[in-house]
């Protein structure tokens, strides 16, 4: 079979690339050992400080919680801000700035008392540049700011369809209200079982009105929060590095009443290439990395997905199911196409593309079995509603793929125009693999356009591409969060429906599931919604991801979680004399 021949050729190329990486690793350490350290003075100044270094390959677009729409933004804002509630490592909701709360019997009224010992960071936006006390009015302002169209928040959807409205469809005065200095009231139109999870999302972090007013459009570069770390804007060299410093006035202490955080500095680099990121980690210049690319995965994982013994001996490794679904998305709004008969608007074409993908081979060959082939629904394996066989997805079926393409008017790919698939460089190997599969199975040509992560996301969010690689990492650990990506009221860029999928039956079920209290009935509704999305082939599900983190042995307190949240306030270092070892690949 043609596909197998191509795979053999590609495997040889991959092995050559891995050997080249081995040479690069050895050379990197050699040059590092022989170089004249121009940063010696800086290292001398910093040697008494606890400095945690990590890399953000995706790029950072904003430090405003209202734009916390991707992992890069979330990871940094989560160090600077707090909300009423938060997720801990077990993904349970725990209080943060909330001190206590009550929920009415009908589930529609929330009364939340907030702590009185929380202060915003010192900043020029405040009187005498001294951070002031946080009040319930700050949460009222922050939540209403998300709903304000002028803010342009990608998170307005978390409240917009849930809050109480009057008969004219306007939000009531009491839907979000500070009823005294430290008590907040929230009224919902109906009970929502997941609402406290929603309040734990980064979109719901508290911000001060003074800072938003003072900095205006530049607030996203001048964050002012309540969290364990602060940012001085001059220490953000965009695209190169960002430095966060310990908030000496942070309100939280550990179980032994010691002040948090333990770290003095968090230094973030922006190396866009994952292979270079890995080499930098091996040199000891990064304290942890999350995820690897196809060029380095064989150095870390065996073919069966287990971590190699030498990696386990040298580093700390965290591997667990990930609340992340990797997929290909289609733009389904006909108004976005010049050609109203574009093949991607034909469901048979979309299904043919999906059936032509061997997902098991993709996960095994390109990812050393890191993750699970996406042959079922959009909800990942890590959530309880994902019951094997409850949703019928797409297996590799060459015959069915060819039949569907012929039924769509393109027998053996004849007359099929070139289409373009958009992605970012990190996923180029995977997309090239798919490109070859479509050529071999369907005899069609798919072009690939690579853009930076930030540009790619902007193109997708604004509906400027018809076919794109995407991923949905849950904002909160609930199945409904994955289905919100297909609700017709959540069109991007202000909502997560990037495909602009519209299905009236889906909308009806989505609105019903938000208020359903019975877990088993909720699961049944989730399955019905997922099946509608798959039958319409709004997306092609590729695989359900796994978290893979590698840490230097000295790092303590960095706990893993299925949402891959980065929580640094309890991270510390243990003393170690171990020196970097040159890797032999």
Protein backbone atom coordinates (compact mmCIF):
# COMPACT_ATOMS: atom_id res chain seq x y z
CA UNK A 1 0.00 0.00 0.00
CA UNK A 2 1.32 3.45 -0.91
CA UNK A 3 0.79 4.82 2.58
CA UNK A 4 3.05 2.22 4.17
CA UNK A 5 5.84 2.96 1.70
CA UNK A 6 5.64 6.64 2.55
CA UNK A 7 5.69 5.88 6.24
CA UNK A 8 8.88 3.82 5.85
CA UNK A 9 10.55 6.67 3.99
CA UNK A 10 9.35 9.17 6.58
CA UNK A 11 10.58 7.00 9.46
CA UNK A 12 14.06 7.02 7.98
CA UNK A 13 13.96 10.80 7.70
CA UNK A 14 12.76 11.09 11.29
CA UNK A 15 15.60 8.90 12.56
CA UNK A 16 18.10 11.03 10.65
CA UNK A 17 16.59 14.09 12.31
CA UNK A 18 16.86 12.51 15.76
CA UNK A 19 20.55 11.71 15.18
CA UNK A 20 21.05 15.33 14.16
CA UNK A 21 19.38 16.43 17.38
CA UNK A 22 21.82 14.23 19.30
CA UNK A 23 24.73 16.01 17.66
CA UNK A 24 23.13 19.37 18.44
CA UNK A 25 22.69 18.41 22.08
CA UNK A 26 26.33 17.41 22.44
CA UNK A 27 27.49 20.54 20.64
CA UNK A 28 25.26 22.74 22.77
CA UNK A 29 26.81 21.42 25.98
CA UNK A 30 30.32 21.71 24.57
CA UNK A 31 29.84 25.34 23.57
CA UNK A 32 28.20 26.09 26.89
CA UNK A 33 31.19 24.64 28.79
CA UNK A 34 33.76 26.49 26.69
CA UNK A 35 32.10 29.87 26.42
CA UNK A 36 33.22 32.98 28.27
CA UNK A 37 30.19 33.70 30.45
CA UNK A 38 29.28 37.29 29.76
CA UNK A 39 26.39 36.98 32.21
CA UNK A 40 28.68 36.12 35.14
CA UNK A 41 27.96 39.35 36.98
CA UNK A 42 24.22 38.89 36.61
CA UNK A 43 24.48 35.30 37.83
CA UNK A 44 26.44 36.51 40.86
CA UNK A 45 23.68 38.96 41.71
CA UNK A 46 20.96 36.35 41.26
CA UNK A 47 22.56 33.33 42.92
CA UNK A 48 20.85 33.97 46.25
CA UNK A 49 17.45 34.31 44.59
CA UNK A 50 15.05 31.48 43.80
CA UNK A 51 14.48 31.84 40.06
CA UNK A 52 12.11 29.50 38.24
CA UNK A 53 12.55 29.42 34.46
CA UNK A 54 10.07 28.13 31.93
CA UNK A 55 9.46 28.64 28.23
CA UNK A 56 6.26 29.67 26.48
CA UNK A 57 6.55 28.53 22.88
CA UNK A 58 3.08 29.66 21.82
CA UNK A 59 3.61 33.38 22.32
CA UNK A 60 1.77 35.72 24.65
CA UNK A 61 -0.90 38.08 23.32
CA UNK A 62 -2.36 39.72 26.45
CA UNK A 63 -2.11 39.85 30.26
CA UNK A 64 -5.68 41.07 30.64
CA UNK A 65 -7.84 38.28 32.17
CA UNK A 66 -10.62 39.33 29.79
CA UNK A 67 -8.41 37.85 27.03
CA UNK A 68 -7.34 34.66 28.83
CA UNK A 69 -8.25 32.53 25.83
CA UNK A 70 -5.20 30.31 25.40
CA UNK A 71 -2.66 28.49 27.53
CA UNK A 72 0.05 31.13 27.14
CA UNK A 73 -2.20 33.93 28.42
CA UNK A 74 -3.70 31.73 31.15
CA UNK A 75 -0.36 30.53 32.51
CA UNK A 76 0.96 34.05 33.08
CA UNK A 77 -2.27 35.73 34.21
CA UNK A 78 -2.76 32.92 36.75
CA UNK A 79 0.43 34.04 38.49
CA UNK A 80 -0.66 37.69 38.60
CA UNK A 81 -4.38 37.50 39.44
CA UNK A 82 -6.88 35.68 41.66
CA UNK A 83 -10.62 35.08 41.43
CA UNK A 84 -13.38 34.16 43.85
CA UNK A 85 -12.65 30.46 43.37
CA UNK A 86 -9.89 28.32 41.91
CA UNK A 87 -9.16 24.80 40.72
CA UNK A 88 -6.70 22.74 42.69
CA UNK A 89 -4.69 19.80 41.38
CA UNK A 90 -7.66 17.44 41.79
CA UNK A 91 -9.72 19.90 39.63
CA UNK A 92 -12.15 20.48 42.49
CA UNK A 93 -13.36 24.04 43.07
CA UNK A 94 -11.95 25.68 46.20
CA UNK A 95 -12.33 29.21 47.56
CA UNK A 96 -9.70 31.79 46.71
CA UNK A 97 -10.78 35.37 47.46
CA UNK A 98 -14.24 34.07 48.39
CA UNK A 99 -14.50 33.56 52.16
CA UNK A 100 -17.94 31.93 52.29
CA UNK A 101 -21.00 31.62 50.09
CA UNK A 102 -24.60 30.50 50.02
CA UNK A 103 -26.74 29.30 47.12
CA UNK A 104 -30.52 29.58 47.20
CA UNK A 105 -32.63 26.41 47.09
CA UNK A 106 -33.66 27.11 43.51
CA UNK A 107 -29.99 27.48 42.55
CA UNK A 108 -30.46 30.93 41.01
CA UNK A 109 -29.10 33.24 43.72
CA UNK A 110 -25.46 33.30 44.87
CA UNK A 111 -24.39 35.37 47.88
CA UNK A 112 -20.61 35.46 48.20
CA UNK A 113 -18.63 36.99 51.08
CA UNK A 114 -15.10 37.95 50.10
CA UNK A 115 -11.94 38.11 52.19
CA UNK A 116 -10.98 41.42 53.76
CA UNK A 117 -7.21 40.86 53.67
CA UNK A 118 -6.66 40.94 49.90
CA UNK A 119 -4.99 43.93 48.25
CA UNK A 120 -4.13 44.85 44.69
CA UNK A 121 -0.48 45.15 43.75
CA UNK A 122 1.18 48.49 44.36
CA UNK A 123 0.85 50.49 41.15
CA UNK A 124 0.91 54.07 39.87
CA UNK A 125 -2.79 53.74 39.07
CA UNK A 126 -3.58 54.02 42.79
CA UNK A 127 -3.26 56.93 45.18
CA UNK A 128 0.35 57.22 46.33
CA UNK A 129 1.05 54.13 44.18
CA UNK A 130 -0.11 51.90 47.05
CA UNK A 131 -2.38 48.97 46.20
CA UNK A 132 -5.78 49.21 47.85
CA UNK A 133 -8.09 46.67 49.44
CA UNK A 134 -10.20 44.48 47.16
CA UNK A 135 -13.97 44.82 47.60
CA UNK A 136 -17.11 43.24 46.21
CA UNK A 137 -17.46 46.30 43.94
CA UNK A 138 -14.28 45.20 42.17
CA UNK A 139 -15.87 41.89 41.25
CA UNK A 140 -19.04 43.63 40.10
CA UNK A 141 -16.90 45.87 37.89
CA UNK A 142 -14.75 43.00 36.59
CA UNK A 143 -17.70 40.78 35.65
CA UNK A 144 -19.65 43.59 34.00
CA UNK A 145 -16.50 44.61 32.15
CA UNK A 146 -16.37 41.17 30.54
CA UNK A 147 -19.95 41.64 29.32
CA UNK A 148 -19.24 45.11 27.93
CA UNK A 149 -18.88 44.88 24.13
CA UNK A 150 -16.27 47.65 24.21
CA UNK A 151 -13.95 45.35 26.17
CA UNK A 152 -14.01 42.84 23.33
CA UNK A 153 -13.51 39.97 25.76
CA UNK A 154 -13.28 36.48 24.32
CA UNK A 155 -14.88 35.35 27.58
CA UNK A 156 -18.17 37.25 27.51
CA UNK A 157 -19.95 33.94 26.88
CA UNK A 158 -19.25 32.72 30.43
CA UNK A 159 -21.95 35.09 31.74
CA UNK A 160 -23.95 36.33 28.75
CA UNK A 161 -26.44 33.43 28.48
CA UNK A 162 -26.62 32.68 32.21
CA UNK A 163 -27.45 35.88 34.08
CA UNK A 164 -30.95 37.02 34.98
CA UNK A 165 -32.66 39.21 32.37
CA UNK A 166 -35.88 41.18 32.31
CA UNK A 167 -38.76 40.61 29.90
CA UNK A 168 -37.07 42.90 27.36
CA UNK A 169 -33.96 40.73 27.34
CA UNK A 170 -31.77 43.18 29.25
CA UNK A 171 -29.66 42.19 32.25
CA UNK A 172 -31.42 43.01 35.51
CA UNK A 173 -29.83 45.48 37.94
CA UNK A 174 -29.35 42.68 40.46
CA UNK A 175 -27.78 40.10 38.13
CA UNK A 176 -24.32 41.16 39.41
CA UNK A 177 -24.40 43.46 42.42
CA UNK A 178 -22.16 44.41 45.35
CA UNK A 179 -24.69 44.66 48.16
CA UNK A 180 -22.08 45.89 50.63
CA UNK A 181 -18.32 46.30 50.72
CA UNK A 182 -17.57 42.60 51.04
CA UNK A 183 -20.69 40.79 49.79
CA UNK A 184 -21.46 40.06 46.15
CA UNK A 185 -24.81 38.96 44.75
CA UNK A 186 -25.24 37.09 41.48
CA UNK A 187 -28.64 36.18 40.04
CA UNK A 188 -29.03 33.56 37.30
CA UNK A 189 -32.02 33.08 35.04
CA UNK A 190 -31.95 29.35 35.83
CA UNK A 191 -29.93 27.06 38.08
CA UNK A 192 -26.58 26.08 36.51
CA UNK A 193 -24.81 23.15 38.22
CA UNK A 194 -21.40 24.18 36.83
CA UNK A 195 -21.58 27.87 37.76
CA UNK A 196 -18.95 27.73 40.52
CA UNK A 197 -16.57 26.11 38.04
CA UNK A 198 -17.22 29.01 35.69
CA UNK A 199 -16.39 31.48 38.48
CA UNK A 200 -13.02 29.72 38.88
CA UNK A 201 -12.02 30.45 35.27
CA UNK A 202 -9.27 33.02 34.57
CA UNK A 203 -11.81 35.18 32.75
CA UNK A 204 -13.36 35.78 36.19
CA UNK A 205 -10.17 37.10 37.84
CA UNK A 206 -10.64 40.44 39.60
CA UNK A 207 -9.15 43.64 38.13
CA UNK A 208 -9.16 47.22 39.53
CA UNK A 209 -11.12 49.87 37.63
CA UNK A 210 -8.44 52.49 38.38
CA UNK A 211 -5.78 50.51 36.49
CA UNK A 212 -8.05 49.77 33.52
CA UNK A 213 -8.88 53.48 33.30
CA UNK A 214 -5.30 54.65 33.86
CA UNK A 215 -3.69 52.39 31.26
CA UNK A 216 -6.60 52.23 28.82
CA UNK A 217 -5.82 50.01 25.85
CA UNK A 218 -2.39 49.30 27.35
CA UNK A 219 -3.85 47.54 30.40
CA UNK A 220 -3.07 44.21 28.73
CA UNK A 221 0.63 45.15 28.97
CA UNK A 222 0.34 46.65 32.46
CA UNK A 223 -1.43 44.02 34.58
CA UNK A 224 -2.50 44.85 38.13
CA UNK A 225 -3.82 41.95 40.13
CA UNK A 226 -3.80 40.37 43.58
CA UNK A 227 -1.71 37.28 42.81
CA UNK A 228 1.61 35.91 44.07
CA UNK A 229 3.69 37.64 41.40
CA UNK A 230 3.86 41.10 39.86
CA UNK A 231 5.06 42.44 36.53
CA UNK A 232 7.02 45.59 35.84
CA UNK A 233 6.23 46.39 32.16
CA UNK A 234 9.87 47.24 31.43
CA UNK A 235 10.74 43.60 32.24
CA UNK A 236 8.60 42.28 29.40
CA UNK A 237 10.67 42.15 26.23
CA UNK A 238 7.93 40.93 23.90
CA UNK A 239 8.88 37.78 22.04
CA UNK A 240 12.09 37.37 24.06
CA UNK A 241 11.53 37.22 27.82
CA UNK A 242 9.25 38.25 30.67
CA UNK A 243 10.11 38.50 34.35
CA UNK A 244 7.64 38.18 37.22
CA UNK A 245 8.70 39.12 40.74
CA UNK A 246 7.48 37.97 44.11
CA UNK A 247 4.55 39.93 45.53
CA UNK A 248 5.93 40.71 48.99
CA UNK A 249 2.42 41.63 50.17
CA UNK A 250 0.68 38.49 48.92
CA UNK A 251 -2.26 37.63 51.12
CA UNK A 252 -1.95 33.84 51.16
CA UNK A 253 0.19 31.65 53.45
CA UNK A 254 0.95 27.93 53.39
CA UNK A 255 -0.27 25.36 55.93
CA UNK A 256 2.61 26.26 58.24
CA UNK A 257 1.72 29.97 58.05
CA UNK A 258 4.77 30.77 55.93
CA UNK A 259 4.28 33.54 53.38
CA UNK A 260 3.77 32.54 49.76
CA UNK A 261 5.17 32.42 47.16
CA UNK A 262 8.49 30.70 47.85
CA UNK A 263 10.03 31.80 44.55
CA UNK A 264 11.60 35.24 44.13
CA UNK A 265 11.46 35.42 40.34
CA UNK A 266 9.72 33.65 37.48
CA UNK A 267 11.62 34.09 34.24
CA UNK A 268 9.73 33.22 31.05
CA UNK A 269 11.41 32.80 27.68
CA UNK A 270 9.67 32.65 24.30
CA UNK A 271 11.56 30.04 22.28
CA UNK A 272 9.17 29.16 19.47
CA UNK A 273 10.88 25.93 18.44
CA UNK A 274 10.11 22.95 20.69
CA UNK A 275 13.34 21.17 19.79
CA UNK A 276 15.39 24.19 20.83
CA UNK A 277 13.27 24.43 23.97
CA UNK A 278 14.18 20.83 24.80
CA UNK A 279 17.88 21.45 24.22
CA UNK A 280 17.70 24.47 26.51
CA UNK A 281 16.07 22.32 29.19
CA UNK A 282 18.81 19.68 28.87
CA UNK A 283 21.36 22.44 29.49
CA UNK A 284 19.62 23.21 32.79
CA UNK A 285 18.52 26.64 31.60
CA UNK A 286 14.82 25.77 32.00
CA UNK A 287 13.30 24.20 35.09
CA UNK A 288 10.46 22.44 33.34
CA UNK A 289 8.93 21.89 29.92
CA UNK A 290 5.42 20.85 28.97
CA UNK A 291 4.89 18.78 25.85
CA UNK A 292 7.39 17.80 23.16
CA UNK A 293 7.37 17.74 19.37
CA UNK A 294 7.86 14.95 16.86
CA UNK A 295 11.60 15.63 16.65
CA UNK A 296 12.29 14.87 20.32
CA UNK A 297 9.53 12.50 21.41
CA UNK A 298 11.54 9.35 20.59
CA UNK A 299 14.23 10.56 22.98
CA UNK A 300 11.70 10.66 25.83
CA UNK A 301 9.11 7.94 25.18
CA UNK A 302 9.27 4.32 24.16
CA UNK A 303 7.06 3.27 21.25
CA UNK A 304 4.40 2.05 23.68
CA UNK A 305 4.17 5.49 25.31
CA UNK A 306 6.09 4.70 28.49
CA UNK A 307 8.80 7.09 29.61
CA UNK A 308 12.36 5.94 28.92
CA UNK A 309 14.28 4.79 31.96
CA UNK A 310 17.21 7.18 31.51
CA UNK A 311 14.80 10.14 31.41
CA UNK A 312 13.12 8.94 34.61
CA UNK A 313 16.52 8.62 36.27
CA UNK A 314 17.61 12.15 35.39
CA UNK A 315 14.41 14.18 35.62
CA UNK A 316 11.03 14.34 37.22
CA UNK A 317 8.29 13.28 34.80
CA UNK A 318 4.56 13.98 35.06
CA UNK A 319 2.30 12.12 32.62
CA UNK A 320 -1.47 11.94 32.88
CA UNK A 321 -4.70 12.29 30.82
CA UNK A 322 -5.21 15.81 29.49
CA UNK A 323 -8.48 17.69 29.12
CA UNK A 324 -7.46 18.63 25.59
CA UNK A 325 -9.00 17.55 22.30
CA UNK A 326 -6.90 18.07 19.15
CA UNK A 327 -8.93 18.53 15.98
CA UNK A 328 -9.23 20.04 12.52
CA UNK A 329 -11.99 22.63 12.14
CA UNK A 330 -14.00 23.85 9.17
CA UNK A 331 -15.49 27.30 8.72
CA UNK A 332 -19.17 26.49 8.15
CA UNK A 333 -20.50 30.00 7.51
CA UNK A 334 -21.20 30.25 3.74
CA UNK A 335 -20.78 34.03 3.89
CA UNK A 336 -17.07 33.48 4.60
CA UNK A 337 -16.59 31.84 1.19
CA UNK A 338 -16.30 33.54 -2.19
CA UNK A 339 -17.35 30.27 -3.84
CA UNK A 340 -20.74 29.25 -2.43
CA UNK A 341 -20.13 25.74 -3.82
CA UNK A 342 -16.79 25.36 -2.08
CA UNK A 343 -16.15 21.64 -1.39
CA UNK A 344 -15.64 22.21 2.36
CA UNK A 345 -19.28 23.34 2.62
CA UNK A 346 -20.25 19.83 1.47
CA UNK A 347 -20.66 17.47 4.41
CA UNK A 348 -19.72 14.47 2.24
CA UNK A 349 -16.35 16.06 1.47
CA UNK A 350 -15.73 16.75 5.15
CA UNK A 351 -16.63 13.17 6.03
CA UNK A 352 -14.37 11.83 3.28
CA UNK A 353 -11.46 13.81 4.72
CA UNK A 354 -12.22 12.39 8.16
CA UNK A 355 -12.53 8.75 7.10
CA UNK A 356 -9.24 9.03 5.19
CA UNK A 357 -7.24 9.58 8.41
CA UNK A 358 -5.68 6.66 10.26
CA UNK A 359 -5.72 8.14 13.74
CA UNK A 360 -4.26 5.10 15.49
CA UNK A 361 -1.28 5.24 13.15
CA UNK A 362 -0.92 8.98 13.71
CA UNK A 363 -0.79 8.60 17.49
CA UNK A 364 1.50 5.57 17.35
CA UNK A 365 3.86 6.76 14.62
CA UNK A 366 4.16 10.49 15.26
CA UNK A 367 3.52 10.61 19.00
CA UNK A 368 4.88 7.28 20.37
CA UNK A 369 1.38 6.59 21.72
CA UNK A 370 1.20 9.82 23.70
CA UNK A 371 -2.55 10.35 23.64
CA UNK A 372 -5.56 8.35 22.43
CA UNK A 373 -6.83 8.22 18.85
CA UNK A 374 -9.88 10.49 18.42
CA UNK A 375 -12.37 8.00 17.04
CA UNK A 376 -15.29 9.04 19.24
CA UNK A 377 -16.76 12.32 20.50
CA UNK A 378 -15.37 15.80 21.16
CA UNK A 379 -15.31 15.32 24.95
CA UNK A 380 -11.92 13.83 25.98
CA UNK A 381 -11.39 10.54 27.80
CA UNK A 382 -10.47 12.27 31.06
CA UNK A 383 -14.08 13.36 31.71
CA UNK A 384 -16.73 10.93 33.02
CA UNK A 385 -19.26 11.50 30.21
CA UNK A 386 -16.85 9.90 27.72
CA UNK A 387 -18.32 6.40 27.72
CA UNK A 388 -16.80 4.07 25.13
CA UNK A 389 -19.28 3.53 22.31
CA UNK A 390 -21.77 6.21 23.40
CA UNK A 391 -20.82 8.41 20.45
CA UNK A 392 -20.04 7.02 17.00
CA UNK A 393 -17.05 8.76 15.46
CA UNK A 394 -14.79 8.14 12.48
CA UNK A 395 -12.47 5.18 12.02
CA UNK A 396 -10.02 4.88 9.13
CA UNK A 397 -12.08 3.58 6.19
CA UNK A 398 -10.43 4.04 2.80
CA UNK A 399 -13.36 2.59 0.85
CA UNK A 400 -15.97 4.79 2.54
CA UNK A 401 -13.76 7.88 2.13
CA UNK A 402 -13.49 7.31 -1.63
CA UNK A 403 -17.22 6.62 -1.96
CA UNK A 404 -18.17 9.83 -0.18
CA UNK A 405 -15.78 11.92 -2.27
CA UNK A 406 -17.26 10.39 -5.44
CA UNK A 407 -20.81 11.09 -4.21
CA UNK A 408 -19.74 14.70 -3.65
CA UNK A 409 -18.82 14.92 -7.36
CA UNK A 410 -15.06 14.22 -7.20
CA UNK A 411 -14.48 10.55 -8.16
CA UNK A 412 -10.87 9.59 -7.47
CA UNK A 413 -10.23 13.23 -6.65
CA UNK A 414 -10.90 14.42 -10.22
CA UNK A 415 -11.83 18.10 -10.39
CA UNK A 416 -11.18 18.65 -6.70
CA UNK A 417 -9.63 22.10 -6.22
CA UNK A 418 -6.63 22.69 -4.01
CA UNK A 419 -7.62 23.54 -0.47
CA UNK A 420 -5.45 25.08 2.22
CA UNK A 421 -5.04 23.92 5.82
CA UNK A 422 -3.76 26.49 8.33
CA UNK A 423 -1.61 25.62 11.33
CA UNK A 424 1.48 26.74 13.24
CA UNK A 425 5.01 25.32 12.93
CA UNK A 426 4.75 23.13 16.04
CA UNK A 427 2.24 20.90 14.24
CA UNK A 428 3.87 20.90 10.79
CA UNK A 429 5.00 17.24 10.96
CA UNK A 430 1.51 16.06 11.89
CA UNK A 431 -0.19 18.15 9.20
CA UNK A 432 2.30 16.97 6.56
CA UNK A 433 1.42 13.41 7.57
CA UNK A 434 -2.28 14.17 7.02
CA UNK A 435 -1.44 15.86 3.72
CA UNK A 436 0.15 12.62 2.49
CA UNK A 437 -2.76 10.50 3.68
CA UNK A 438 -5.29 12.60 1.78
CA UNK A 439 -3.15 12.43 -1.35
CA UNK A 440 -2.71 8.66 -1.10
CA UNK A 441 -6.29 7.79 -0.18
CA UNK A 442 -8.33 10.47 -1.99
CA UNK A 443 -5.88 11.76 -4.60
CA UNK A 444 -6.45 15.37 -3.55
CA UNK A 445 -3.96 18.14 -2.85
CA UNK A 446 -4.04 20.02 0.43
CA UNK A 447 -1.70 22.98 0.80
CA UNK A 448 -0.33 23.93 4.21
CA UNK A 449 0.13 27.46 5.50
CA UNK A 450 2.21 27.97 8.63
CA UNK A 451 1.82 31.05 10.82
CA UNK A 452 2.95 32.01 14.29
CA UNK A 453 0.68 30.79 17.03
CA UNK A 454 -0.71 34.27 17.73
CA UNK A 455 -1.37 35.01 14.04
CA UNK A 456 -2.91 31.58 13.51
CA UNK A 457 -5.26 32.06 16.43
CA UNK A 458 -6.23 35.52 15.19
CA UNK A 459 -7.00 34.18 11.70
CA UNK A 460 -9.14 31.37 13.12
CA UNK A 461 -10.96 33.49 15.71
CA UNK A 462 -11.93 36.07 13.11
CA UNK A 463 -13.18 33.48 10.62
CA UNK A 464 -10.54 34.29 8.01
CA UNK A 465 -9.59 30.67 7.25
CA UNK A 466 -11.76 27.81 6.02
CA UNK A 467 -9.78 24.82 7.27
CA UNK A 468 -7.59 24.93 10.37
CA UNK A 469 -5.85 22.91 13.03
CA UNK A 470 -7.33 23.56 16.47
CA UNK A 471 -7.32 22.32 20.04
CA UNK A 472 -9.80 22.77 22.85
CA UNK A 473 -8.33 22.72 26.33
CA UNK A 474 -11.23 22.88 28.77
CA UNK A 475 -11.74 26.17 30.58
CA UNK A 476 -13.27 24.19 33.41
CA UNK A 477 -13.48 20.42 33.95
CA UNK A 478 -17.02 19.87 32.74
CA UNK A 479 -18.34 18.27 29.58
CA UNK A 480 -20.57 21.23 28.74
CA UNK A 481 -17.48 23.39 28.28
CA UNK A 482 -16.51 21.30 25.25
CA UNK A 483 -19.97 21.54 23.75
CA UNK A 484 -20.05 25.30 24.18
CA UNK A 485 -17.73 25.33 21.13
CA UNK A 486 -20.76 24.53 18.95
CA UNK A 487 -23.51 26.69 20.48
CA UNK A 488 -24.72 29.18 17.87
CA UNK A 489 -24.72 32.11 20.32
CA UNK A 490 -20.99 31.66 20.94
CA UNK A 491 -19.52 32.64 17.57
CA UNK A 492 -15.86 33.67 17.71
CA UNK A 493 -14.09 36.02 18.24
CA UNK A 494 -16.13 36.78 21.40
CA UNK A 495 -17.04 33.13 21.92
CA UNK A 496 -15.48 29.69 21.41
CA UNK A 497 -17.56 28.59 18.38
CA UNK A 498 -14.73 28.95 15.86
CA UNK A 499 -16.46 26.87 13.16
CA UNK A 500 -19.65 29.01 13.31
CA UNK A 501 -21.61 25.79 13.57
CA UNK A 502 -25.40 26.23 13.67
CA UNK A 503 -27.85 23.44 14.50
CA UNK A 504 -31.17 24.30 16.14
CA UNK A 505 -31.53 20.89 17.77
CA UNK A 506 -28.04 21.17 19.21
CA UNK A 507 -28.88 24.62 20.65
CA UNK A 508 -32.03 23.25 22.26
CA UNK A 509 -30.11 20.41 23.91
CA UNK A 510 -27.28 22.73 24.98
CA UNK A 511 -29.69 25.09 26.72
CA UNK A 512 -31.41 22.15 28.41
CA UNK A 513 -28.20 20.54 29.70
CA UNK A 514 -27.02 23.71 31.46
CA UNK A 515 -29.95 23.49 33.86
CA UNK A 516 -30.26 19.71 34.18
CA UNK A 517 -29.38 18.56 37.70
CA UNK A 518 -29.35 14.80 37.14
CA UNK A 519 -25.83 13.66 36.12
CA UNK A 520 -26.96 10.69 34.05
CA UNK A 521 -29.48 12.77 32.13
CA UNK A 522 -26.73 15.33 31.52
CA UNK A 523 -24.49 12.61 30.11
CA UNK A 524 -27.27 11.48 27.78
CA UNK A 525 -27.74 15.04 26.50
CA UNK A 526 -23.99 15.44 26.01
CA UNK A 527 -23.89 12.30 23.89
CA UNK A 528 -26.79 13.49 21.74
CA UNK A 529 -25.08 16.84 21.14
CA UNK A 530 -21.76 15.24 20.28
CA UNK A 531 -23.43 12.92 17.80
CA UNK A 532 -25.06 15.86 16.03
CA UNK A 533 -21.68 17.60 15.69
CA UNK A 534 -20.05 14.43 14.34
CA UNK A 535 -22.90 13.66 11.94
CA UNK A 536 -22.50 17.18 10.52
CA UNK A 537 -18.69 16.74 10.60
CA UNK A 538 -18.14 20.26 11.93
CA UNK A 539 -14.70 19.12 13.08
CA UNK A 540 -12.34 16.21 12.49
CA UNK A 541 -11.22 14.88 15.86
CA UNK A 542 -7.59 13.72 15.73
CA UNK A 543 -6.70 12.61 19.25
CA UNK A 544 -7.26 13.15 22.96
CA UNK A 545 -4.02 14.46 24.40
CA UNK A 546 -1.98 13.58 27.47
CA UNK A 547 -0.05 15.93 29.75
CA UNK A 548 3.69 15.30 29.58
CA UNK A 549 5.84 17.48 31.84
CA UNK A 550 9.56 17.06 32.46
CA UNK A 551 11.11 18.78 35.48
CA UNK A 552 14.60 19.31 36.80
CA UNK A 553 15.05 17.10 39.87
CA UNK A 554 15.46 20.12 42.14
CA UNK A 555 11.90 21.38 41.51
CA UNK A 556 9.33 20.71 44.22
CA UNK A 557 5.69 21.69 44.64
CA UNK A 558 4.81 21.75 40.93
CA UNK A 559 1.83 19.44 41.00
CA UNK A 560 0.36 17.95 37.80
CA UNK A 561 -3.28 18.30 36.80
CA UNK A 562 -5.40 17.25 33.82
CA UNK A 563 -6.00 20.85 32.75
CA UNK A 564 -2.23 21.49 32.67
CA UNK A 565 -2.70 24.59 34.80
CA UNK A 566 0.55 26.15 35.94
CA UNK A 567 0.42 27.03 39.65
CA UNK A 568 3.71 28.48 40.89
CA UNK A 569 2.88 29.98 44.28
CA UNK A 570 3.97 26.80 46.12
CA UNK A 571 6.87 25.83 43.86
CA UNK A 572 10.30 25.66 45.48
CA UNK A 573 13.75 24.14 44.95
CA UNK A 574 15.61 21.48 46.85
CA UNK A 575 19.39 21.62 46.92
CA UNK A 576 21.16 19.47 44.36
CA UNK A 577 24.75 19.15 43.20
CA UNK A 578 23.80 17.25 40.08
CA UNK A 579 25.29 18.69 36.89
CA UNK A 580 23.78 18.49 33.40
CA UNK A 581 24.61 15.31 31.49
CA UNK A 582 25.25 15.24 27.74
CA UNK A 583 22.42 13.26 26.16
CA UNK A 584 23.31 10.28 23.94
CA UNK A 585 20.67 9.79 21.30
